[in-house]
């Protein structure tokens, strides 16, 4: 693989990673609770991303793409999970008492939330199925190229989520106000529900 082809892949990957979506909403919400929670959620997302990339590299995505019923089931499960996360965020946003605001409903497993949000997104699976082959040169070195692109995806994702968590950690003081935090939760919940509806519609 030439350096030009790899650089082009990195450019496309950066655009994908930096585009806000359900993964971003999940990491941001957990990061505002505590950087460690954000890191765990991001670790779950990176694990899911590695799974998608590996599946695309091994050709498993093509098998799933040929089974619309399986993809439909994954899509609906993902939409339901995103909707549940959105409802949890909205519940936290509408808690009025200061004491209740201080004891906002926490989702106990950030890693599981990040992993489920990413794995239950069939669009991510199909996207990598269509993306990765575009940057691979047919030949005896195909396996090495696929491994390079998979590793690049994981490393790029780690760096991106580390940046998001760092920015969120520095902004926690400004977001300590209960009204602001409720606003963030409300916006996050609304965004997750909107994404869940979009995913459910296919």
Foldseek 3Di string as FASTA:
>chain_A
DDPVLVVVLLVVLVVVLPDDDLLLLLLLLLLLVPLVLSLLLLLLQLVLLLVLLVCLLVVVLVVVVVPVVNLLVLLLVLLVLLLVLLVLLLVLLPPDDPVCVVVRDDDPGSSVSSNSNRNSQNVSNVVSNVPQVVSADDDPCRVVSSVVSSVSSSVVSSVSSVVSSVVSNVCSVVCVPSNSSSVSSNVSSVRSNVNSVVSNVD
